[in-house]
PDB file of N, CA and C in Angstrom:
ATOM      1  N   MET A   1      -0.436  13.780  13.461  1.00  0.00           N
ATOM      2  CA  MET A   1      -0.208  14.330  12.000  1.00  0.00           C
ATOM      3  C   MET A   1      -1.506  12.868  11.500  1.00  0.00           C
ATOM      4  N   LYS A   2      -2.332  13.530  10.629  1.00  0.00           N
ATOM      5  CA  LYS A   2      -3.277  11.643   9.160  1.00  0.00           C
ATOM      6  C   LYS A   2      -2.216  12.034   8.735  1.00  0.00           C
ATOM      7  N   TYR A   3      -2.320  10.750   8.147  1.00  0.00           N
ATOM      8  CA  TYR A   3      -1.797   9.856   7.043  1.00  0.00           C
ATOM      9  C   TYR A   3      -2.372   9.353   6.186  1.00  0.00           C
ATOM     10  N   PHE A   4      -3.517   8.234   6.886  1.00  0.00           N
ATOM     11  CA  PHE A   4      -3.868   7.896   5.867  1.00  0.00           C
ATOM     12  C   PHE A   4      -5.616   8.269   6.473  1.00  0.00           C
ATOM     13  N   ASN A   5      -6.863   8.565   5.037  1.00  0.00           N
ATOM     14  CA  ASN A   5      -7.795   7.808   5.202  1.00  0.00           C
ATOM     15  C   ASN A   5      -8.088   5.820   4.850  1.00  0.00           C
ATOM     16  N   ASN A   6      -9.224   5.971   4.930  1.00  0.00           N
ATOM     17  CA  ASN A   6      -9.326   4.270   5.156  1.00  0.00           C
ATOM     18  C   ASN A   6      -9.306   4.139   4.234  1.00  0.00           C
ATOM     19  N   ASN A   7      -9.546   4.683   2.789  1.00  0.00           N
ATOM     20  CA  ASN A   7      -9.510   3.759   1.279  1.00  0.00           C
ATOM     21  C   ASN A   7      -7.480   3.294   1.515  1.00  0.00           C
ATOM     22  N   LYS A   8      -7.030   4.400   1.851  1.00  0.00           N
ATOM     23  CA  LYS A   8      -5.221   4.378   1.764  1.00  0.00           C
ATOM     24  C   LYS A   8      -5.023   3.493   2.813  1.00  0.00           C
ATOM     25  N   LEU A   9      -5.458   3.190   3.764  1.00  0.00           N
ATOM     26  CA  LEU A   9      -5.187   1.773   4.229  1.00  0.00           C
ATOM     27  C   LEU A   9      -5.113   0.902   3.814  1.00  0.00           C
ATOM     28  N   ARG A  10      -5.759   0.307   3.371  1.00  0.00           N
ATOM     29  CA  ARG A  10      -6.503  -0.217   2.471  1.00  0.00           C
ATOM     30  C   ARG A  10      -5.808  -1.139   1.593  1.00  0.00           C
ATOM     31  N   ARG A  11      -5.079   0.249   0.657  1.00  0.00           N
ATOM     32  CA  ARG A  11      -4.435  -0.318  -0.116  1.00  0.00           C
ATOM     33  C   ARG A  11      -3.095  -0.829   0.452  1.00  0.00           C
ATOM     34  N   VAL A  12      -2.500   0.318   1.623  1.00  0.00           N
ATOM     35  CA  VAL A  12      -1.544  -0.451   1.699  1.00  0.00           C
ATOM     36  C   VAL A  12      -1.647  -1.586   3.172  1.00  0.00           C
ATOM     37  N   GLU A  13      -2.050  -2.289   3.458  1.00  0.00           N
ATOM     38  CA  GLU A  13      -2.652  -3.433   3.616  1.00  0.00           C
ATOM     39  C   GLU A  13      -2.703  -4.793   2.591  1.00  0.00           C
ATOM     40  N   LEU A  14      -3.521  -3.927   1.733  1.00  0.00           N
ATOM     41  CA  LEU A  14      -3.425  -5.123   0.344  1.00  0.00           C
ATOM     42  C   LEU A  14      -1.871  -5.230  -0.102  1.00  0.00           C
ATOM     43  N   ALA A  15      -1.054  -4.244  -0.417  1.00  0.00           N
ATOM     44  CA  ALA A  15       0.122  -4.035  -0.823  1.00  0.00           C
ATOM     45  C   ALA A  15       0.658  -5.309  -0.118  1.00  0.00           C
ATOM     46  N   GLY A  16       0.986  -4.936   1.020  1.00  0.00           N
ATOM     47  CA  GLY A  16       1.317  -6.803   1.567  1.00  0.00           C
ATOM     48  C   GLY A  16       1.049  -7.802   0.874  1.00  0.00           C
ATOM     49  N   HIS A  17      -0.400  -7.727   1.433  1.00  0.00           N
ATOM     50  CA  HIS A  17      -0.651  -8.826   1.007  1.00  0.00           C
ATOM     51  C   HIS A  17       0.002  -9.366  -0.914  1.00  0.00           C
ATOM     52  N   VAL A  18       0.036  -8.514  -1.129  1.00  0.00           N
ATOM     53  CA  VAL A  18       0.752  -8.744  -2.535  1.00  0.00           C
ATOM     54  C   VAL A  18       1.954  -9.130  -3.202  1.00  0.00           C
ATOM     55  N   VAL A  19       2.497  -8.247  -1.774  1.00  0.00           N
ATOM     56  CA  VAL A  19       4.223  -8.780  -0.989  1.00  0.00           C
ATOM     57  C   VAL A  19       4.312  -9.637  -1.165  1.00  0.00           C
ATOM     58  N   ARG A  20       3.490 -10.740  -0.727  1.00  0.00           N
ATOM     59  CA  ARG A  20       3.685 -11.637  -0.386  1.00  0.00           C
ATOM     60  C   ARG A  20       3.085 -13.172  -0.688  1.00  0.00           C
ATOM     61  N   MET A  21       2.272 -12.681  -1.605  1.00  0.00           N
ATOM     62  CA  MET A  21       1.909 -13.639  -2.411  1.00  0.00           C
ATOM     63  C   MET A  21       3.312 -14.471  -3.686  1.00  0.00           C
ATOM     64  N   SER A  22       2.847 -15.693  -4.098  1.00  0.00           N
ATOM     65  CA  SER A  22       3.726 -16.425  -4.367  1.00  0.00           C
ATOM     66  C   SER A  22       4.056 -16.261  -6.048  1.00  0.00           C
ATOM     67  N   ASP A  23       5.317 -16.385  -6.533  1.00  0.00           N
ATOM     68  CA  ASP A  23       5.249 -15.399  -8.144  1.00  0.00           C
ATOM     69  C   ASP A  23       4.408 -16.150  -8.756  1.00  0.00           C
ATOM     70  N   ASP A  24       3.411 -17.562  -8.801  1.00  0.00           N
ATOM     71  CA  ASP A  24       3.765 -18.098  -9.529  1.00  0.00           C
ATOM     72  C   ASP A  24       1.709 -17.435  -9.570  1.00  0.00           C
ATOM     73  N   ARG A  25       1.524 -16.473  -9.245  1.00  0.00           N
ATOM     74  CA  ARG A  25       0.376 -16.804  -8.790  1.00  0.00           C
ATOM     75  C   ARG A  25      -0.309 -14.549  -9.417  1.00  0.00           C
ATOM     76  N   THR A  26      -0.678 -14.047 -10.165  1.00  0.00           N
ATOM     77  CA  THR A  26      -0.954 -12.621 -11.034  1.00  0.00           C
ATOM     78  C   THR A  26      -1.471 -12.373 -10.350  1.00  0.00           C
ATOM     79  N   VAL A  27      -1.095 -10.975 -10.230  1.00  0.00           N
ATOM     80  CA  VAL A  27      -2.750  -9.505  -9.483  1.00  0.00           C
ATOM     81  C   VAL A  27      -3.211  -9.260 -10.467  1.00  0.00           C
ATOM     82  N   LYS A  28      -4.391  -9.487  -9.965  1.00  0.00           N
ATOM     83  CA  LYS A  28      -5.971  -8.373 -10.788  1.00  0.00           C
ATOM     84  C   LYS A  28      -5.465  -7.443 -10.795  1.00  0.00           C
ATOM     85  N   LYS A  29      -5.843  -7.036 -12.566  1.00  0.00           N
ATOM     86  CA  LYS A  29      -5.744  -5.529 -12.700  1.00  0.00           C
ATOM     87  C   LYS A  29      -7.272  -4.840 -13.105  1.00  0.00           C
ATOM     88  N   PRO A  30      -7.436  -3.528 -12.899  1.00  0.00           N
ATOM     89  CA  PRO A  30      -9.362  -3.811 -12.878  1.00  0.00           C
ATOM     90  C   PRO A  30      -8.642  -3.006 -14.257  1.00  0.00           C
ATOM     91  N   ASP A  31      -9.734  -3.477 -14.582  1.00  0.00           N
ATOM     92  CA  ASP A  31     -10.288  -3.056 -16.200  1.00  0.00           C
ATOM     93  C   ASP A  31     -10.906  -1.317 -16.684  1.00  0.00           C
ATOM     94  N   GLY A  32     -10.557  -0.635 -18.040  1.00  0.00           N
ATOM     95  CA  GLY A  32     -11.547   1.061 -17.905  1.00  0.00           C
ATOM     96  C   GLY A  32     -10.904   1.199 -18.142  1.00  0.00           C
ATOM     97  N   ARG A  33     -10.686   2.721 -18.457  1.00  0.00           N
ATOM     98  CA  ARG A  33      -9.753   4.043 -18.685  1.00  0.00           C
ATOM     99  C   ARG A  33      -9.541   4.220 -17.436  1.00  0.00           C
ATOM    100  N   ARG A  34      -8.512   5.831 -17.522  1.00  0.00           N
ATOM    101  CA  ARG A  34      -8.696   6.438 -17.203  1.00  0.00           C
ATOM    102  C   ARG A  34      -9.542   7.610 -16.869  1.00  0.00           C
ATOM    103  N   ASN A  35     -10.060   8.784 -15.805  1.00  0.00           N
ATOM    104  CA  ASN A  35     -11.491   9.669 -16.577  1.00  0.00           C
ATOM    105  C   ASN A  35      -9.559  11.361 -17.099  1.00  0.00           C
ATOM    106  N   ALA A  36      -9.631  11.401 -18.229  1.00  0.00           N
ATOM    107  CA  ALA A  36      -8.785  13.002 -18.068  1.00  0.00           C
ATOM    108  C   ALA A  36      -8.203  13.231 -17.019  1.00  0.00           C
ATOM    109  N   GLU A  37      -8.625  13.525 -16.156  1.00  0.00           N
ATOM    110  CA  GLU A  37      -8.185  14.330 -14.869  1.00  0.00           C
ATOM    111  C   GLU A  37      -7.601  13.396 -13.212  1.00  0.00           C
ATOM    112  N   ARG A  38      -7.884  12.107 -13.781  1.00  0.00           N
ATOM    113  CA  ARG A  38      -6.941  11.217 -12.650  1.00  0.00           C
ATOM    114  C   ARG A  38      -5.219  11.070 -13.146  1.00  0.00           C
ATOM    115  N   SER A  39      -4.797  11.227 -12.417  1.00  0.00           N
ATOM    116  CA  SER A  39      -2.910  11.683 -12.628  1.00  0.00           C
ATOM    117  C   SER A  39      -2.549   9.537 -12.965  1.00  0.00           C
ATOM    118  N   LYS A  40      -1.149  10.716 -13.763  1.00  0.00           N
ATOM    119  CA  LYS A  40      -0.407   8.629 -13.897  1.00  0.00           C
ATOM    120  C   LYS A  40      -0.145   8.209 -12.664  1.00  0.00           C
ATOM    121  N   LEU A  41      -0.180   8.661 -11.917  1.00  0.00           N
ATOM    122  CA  LEU A  41       0.728   7.913 -11.199  1.00  0.00           C
ATOM    123  C   LEU A  41      -0.558   6.261 -10.850  1.00  0.00           C
ATOM    124  N   ARG A  42       1.684   5.589 -10.993  1.00  0.00           N
ATOM    125  CA  ARG A  42       0.399   4.195 -10.908  1.00  0.00           C
ATOM    126  C   ARG A  42       0.041   3.633  -9.158  1.00  0.00           C
ATOM    127  N   TRP A  43      -0.283   2.383  -9.254  1.00  0.00           N
ATOM    128  CA  TRP A  43      -0.651   2.242  -7.983  1.00  0.00           C
ATOM    129  C   TRP A  43       0.365   1.945  -7.111  1.00  0.00           C
ATOM    130  N   LEU A  44       1.558   1.243  -7.631  1.00  0.00           N
ATOM    131  CA  LEU A  44       2.899   1.600  -6.331  1.00  0.00           C
ATOM    132  C   LEU A  44       2.972   2.699  -6.274  1.00  0.00           C
ATOM    133  N   ASP A  45       3.136   4.189  -7.170  1.00  0.00           N
ATOM    134  CA  ASP A  45       4.281   4.980  -6.992  1.00  0.00           C
ATOM    135  C   ASP A  45       3.106   4.853  -5.781  1.00  0.00           C
ATOM    136  N   CYS A  46       1.893   5.437  -5.814  1.00  0.00           N
ATOM    137  CA  CYS A  46       1.021   6.585  -4.121  1.00  0.00           C
ATOM    138  C   CYS A  46       1.337   4.863  -3.119  1.00  0.00           C
ATOM    139  N   ILE A  47       1.290   4.264  -2.958  1.00  0.00           N
ATOM    140  CA  ILE A  47       1.663   3.118  -1.671  1.00  0.00           C
ATOM    141  C   ILE A  47       3.245   3.217  -1.779  1.00  0.00           C
ATOM    142  N   GLU A  48       3.893   4.078  -1.833  1.00  0.00           N
ATOM    143  CA  GLU A  48       5.057   4.438  -1.382  1.00  0.00           C
ATOM    144  C   GLU A  48       6.116   5.495  -1.213  1.00  0.00           C
ATOM    145  N   ASN A  49       5.141   6.776  -1.504  1.00  0.00           N
ATOM    146  CA  ASN A  49       4.827   7.881  -1.157  1.00  0.00           C
ATOM    147  C   ASN A  49       3.457   7.741   0.034  1.00  0.00           C
ATOM    148  N   ASN A  50       2.210   7.263   0.337  1.00  0.00           N
ATOM    149  CA  ASN A  50       2.098   7.205   1.366  1.00  0.00           C
ATOM    150  C   ASN A  50       3.354   6.002   2.265  1.00  0.00           C
ATOM    151  N   LEU A  51       3.802   5.588   2.704  1.00  0.00           N
ATOM    152  CA  LEU A  51       4.586   5.055   3.678  1.00  0.00           C
ATOM    153  C   LEU A  51       5.646   6.267   3.204  1.00  0.00           C
ATOM    154  N   LYS A  52       6.299   6.348   2.683  1.00  0.00           N
ATOM    155  CA  LYS A  52       7.143   6.929   2.415  1.00  0.00           C
ATOM    156  C   LYS A  52       7.055   8.304   3.522  1.00  0.00           C
ATOM    157  N   LEU A  53       5.717   9.128   3.921  1.00  0.00           N
ATOM    158  CA  LEU A  53       5.044  10.131   4.137  1.00  0.00           C
ATOM    159  C   LEU A  53       5.113   9.904   5.853  1.00  0.00           C
ATOM    160  N   MET A  54       4.987   8.243   6.446  1.00  0.00           N
ATOM    161  CA  MET A  54       5.446   8.185   7.169  1.00  0.00           C
ATOM    162  C   MET A  54       5.904   6.740   7.396  1.00  0.00           C
ATOM    163  N   GLY A  55       6.924   6.833   7.592  1.00  0.00           N
ATOM    164  CA  GLY A  55       8.330   6.851   6.825  1.00  0.00           C
ATOM    165  C   GLY A  55       8.932   5.985   7.662  1.00  0.00           C
ATOM    166  N   VAL A  56       8.062   4.974   7.037  1.00  0.00           N
ATOM    167  CA  VAL A  56       8.971   3.490   6.954  1.00  0.00           C
ATOM    168  C   VAL A  56       9.853   3.011   5.371  1.00  0.00           C
ATOM    169  N   LYS A  57      10.574   2.721   5.807  1.00  0.00           N
ATOM    170  CA  LYS A  57      11.418   2.661   5.174  1.00  0.00           C
ATOM    171  C   LYS A  57      11.894   0.996   4.397  1.00  0.00           C
ATOM    172  N   ARG A  58      12.201   0.826   3.157  1.00  0.00           N
ATOM    173  CA  ARG A  58      12.428  -0.403   3.439  1.00  0.00           C
ATOM    174  C   ARG A  58      11.168  -1.954   3.063  1.00  0.00           C
ATOM    175  N   TRP A  59      10.503  -0.798   2.541  1.00  0.00           N
ATOM    176  CA  TRP A  59       8.826  -0.934   3.341  1.00  0.00           C
ATOM    177  C   TRP A  59       8.391  -2.564   2.372  1.00  0.00           C
ATOM    178  N   TRP A  60       9.046  -3.035   1.006  1.00  0.00           N
ATOM    179  CA  TRP A  60       9.151  -4.086   0.285  1.00  0.00           C
ATOM    180  C   TRP A  60       9.808  -5.216   1.579  1.00  0.00           C
ATOM    181  N   ASN A  61      10.569  -5.656   2.526  1.00  0.00           N
ATOM    182  CA  ASN A  61      10.912  -6.059   2.929  1.00  0.00           C
ATOM    183  C   ASN A  61       9.877  -6.592   4.283  1.00  0.00           C
ATOM    184  N   LYS A  62       9.274  -5.022   4.903  1.00  0.00           N
ATOM    185  CA  LYS A  62       9.615  -5.401   6.125  1.00  0.00           C
ATOM    186  C   LYS A  62       7.472  -5.942   5.793  1.00  0.00           C
ATOM    187  N   ALA A  63       6.982  -6.279   4.378  1.00  0.00           N
ATOM    188  CA  ALA A  63       5.331  -6.538   3.940  1.00  0.00           C
ATOM    189  C   ALA A  63       5.165  -8.006   4.259  1.00  0.00           C
ATOM    190  N   GLU A  64       7.044  -8.377   3.733  1.00  0.00           N
ATOM    191  CA  GLU A  64       7.059  -9.681   3.978  1.00  0.00           C
ATOM    192  C   GLU A  64       6.743 -10.758   4.895  1.00  0.00           C
ATOM    193  N   ASP A  65       7.335  -9.883   5.775  1.00  0.00           N
ATOM    194  CA  ASP A  65       6.703  -9.915   7.400  1.00  0.00           C
ATOM    195  C   ASP A  65       5.676  -9.984   7.379  1.00  0.00           C
ATOM    196  N   ARG A  66       4.927 -10.902   8.029  1.00  0.00           N
ATOM    197  CA  ARG A  66       4.150 -10.583   8.129  1.00  0.00           C
ATOM    198  C   ARG A  66       3.425 -10.182   9.844  1.00  0.00           C
ATOM    199  N   LEU A  67       4.070 -10.392  10.584  1.00  0.00           N
ATOM    200  CA  LEU A  67       4.332  -9.492  12.504  1.00  0.00           C
ATOM    201  C   LEU A  67       4.087  -8.101  11.909  1.00  0.00           C
ATOM    202  N   MET A  68       5.942  -8.149  12.241  1.00  0.00           N
ATOM    203  CA  MET A  68       6.550  -6.270  10.883  1.00  0.00           C
ATOM    204  C   MET A  68       5.051  -5.383  10.398  1.00  0.00           C
ATOM    205  N   TRP A  69       4.313  -6.468   9.240  1.00  0.00           N
ATOM    206  CA  TRP A  69       3.410  -5.484   8.888  1.00  0.00           C
ATOM    207  C   TRP A  69       1.881  -5.505   8.895  1.00  0.00           C
ATOM    208  N   THR A  70       1.916  -5.620   9.761  1.00  0.00           N
ATOM    209  CA  THR A  70       0.506  -6.124  10.996  1.00  0.00           C
ATOM    210  C   THR A  70       0.656  -5.117  11.924  1.00  0.00           C
ATOM    211  N   VAL A  71       2.273  -4.644  11.727  1.00  0.00           N
ATOM    212  CA  VAL A  71       2.789  -3.555  13.424  1.00  0.00           C
ATOM    213  C   VAL A  71       2.786  -2.123  12.783  1.00  0.00           C
ATOM    214  N   ILE A  72       2.708  -1.462  11.348  1.00  0.00           N
ATOM    215  CA  ILE A  72       2.520  -0.737  10.337  1.00  0.00           C
ATOM    216  C   ILE A  72       1.657  -0.303  10.171  1.00  0.00           C
ATOM    217  N   LEU A  73       0.807  -1.313  10.137  1.00  0.00           N
ATOM    218  CA  LEU A  73      -0.729  -1.383   9.479  1.00  0.00           C
ATOM    219  C   LEU A  73      -1.787  -0.629  11.205  1.00  0.00           C
ATOM    220  N   LYS A  74      -1.046  -1.132  12.445  1.00  0.00           N
ATOM    221  CA  LYS A  74      -2.938  -0.892  12.880  1.00  0.00           C
ATOM    222  C   LYS A  74      -1.784   0.710  13.860  1.00  0.00           C
ATOM    223  N   GLU A  75      -0.217   1.031  13.471  1.00  0.00           N
ATOM    224  CA  GLU A  75       0.287   2.242  13.985  1.00  0.00           C
ATOM    225  C   GLU A  75      -0.051   3.063  13.147  1.00  0.00           C
ATOM    226  N   ALA A  76      -0.746   2.952  11.254  1.00  0.00           N
ATOM    227  CA  ALA A  76      -1.234   4.278  10.805  1.00  0.00           C
ATOM    228  C   ALA A  76      -2.773   4.042  11.455  1.00  0.00           C
ATOM    229  N   ALA A  77      -3.156   2.917  11.640  1.00  0.00           N
ATOM    230  CA  ALA A  77      -4.850   2.926  11.654  1.00  0.00           C
ATOM    231  C   ALA A  77      -4.770   4.464  13.504  1.00  0.00           C
ATOM    232  N   VAL A  78      -4.082   3.711  14.203  1.00  0.00           N
ATOM    233  CA  VAL A  78      -4.508   4.501  15.445  1.00  0.00           C
ATOM    234  C   VAL A  78      -4.179   6.239  15.102  1.00  0.00           C
ATOM    235  N   LYS A  79      -3.330   6.266  14.108  1.00  0.00           N
ATOM    236  CA  LYS A  79      -2.921   7.934  13.011  1.00  0.00           C
ATOM    237  C   LYS A  79      -4.163   9.185  12.363  1.00  0.00           C
ATOM    238  N   LEU A  80      -5.408   7.561  12.163  1.00  0.00           N
ATOM    239  CA  LEU A  80      -6.595   8.040  11.420  1.00  0.00           C
ATOM    240  C   LEU A  80      -6.889   9.497  12.319  1.00  0.00           C
TER     241      LEU A  80
END
């Protein structure tokens, strides 16, 4: 089963980085407006949907462990 394309894999990889960032740093959000036909889903909603398809539960805790997160990303890359 194909879970991800390269863009989705990069998005999940970035989510792991954001989870591991220190609390005093902020995440930069892109500027601009959405097109009218774009969905109202948040970035985090898309990440959670993608990881749910993979069967990853409690992803926030797993992303804090860099080694475990790397294993998850490699499994997703194999299924591309």
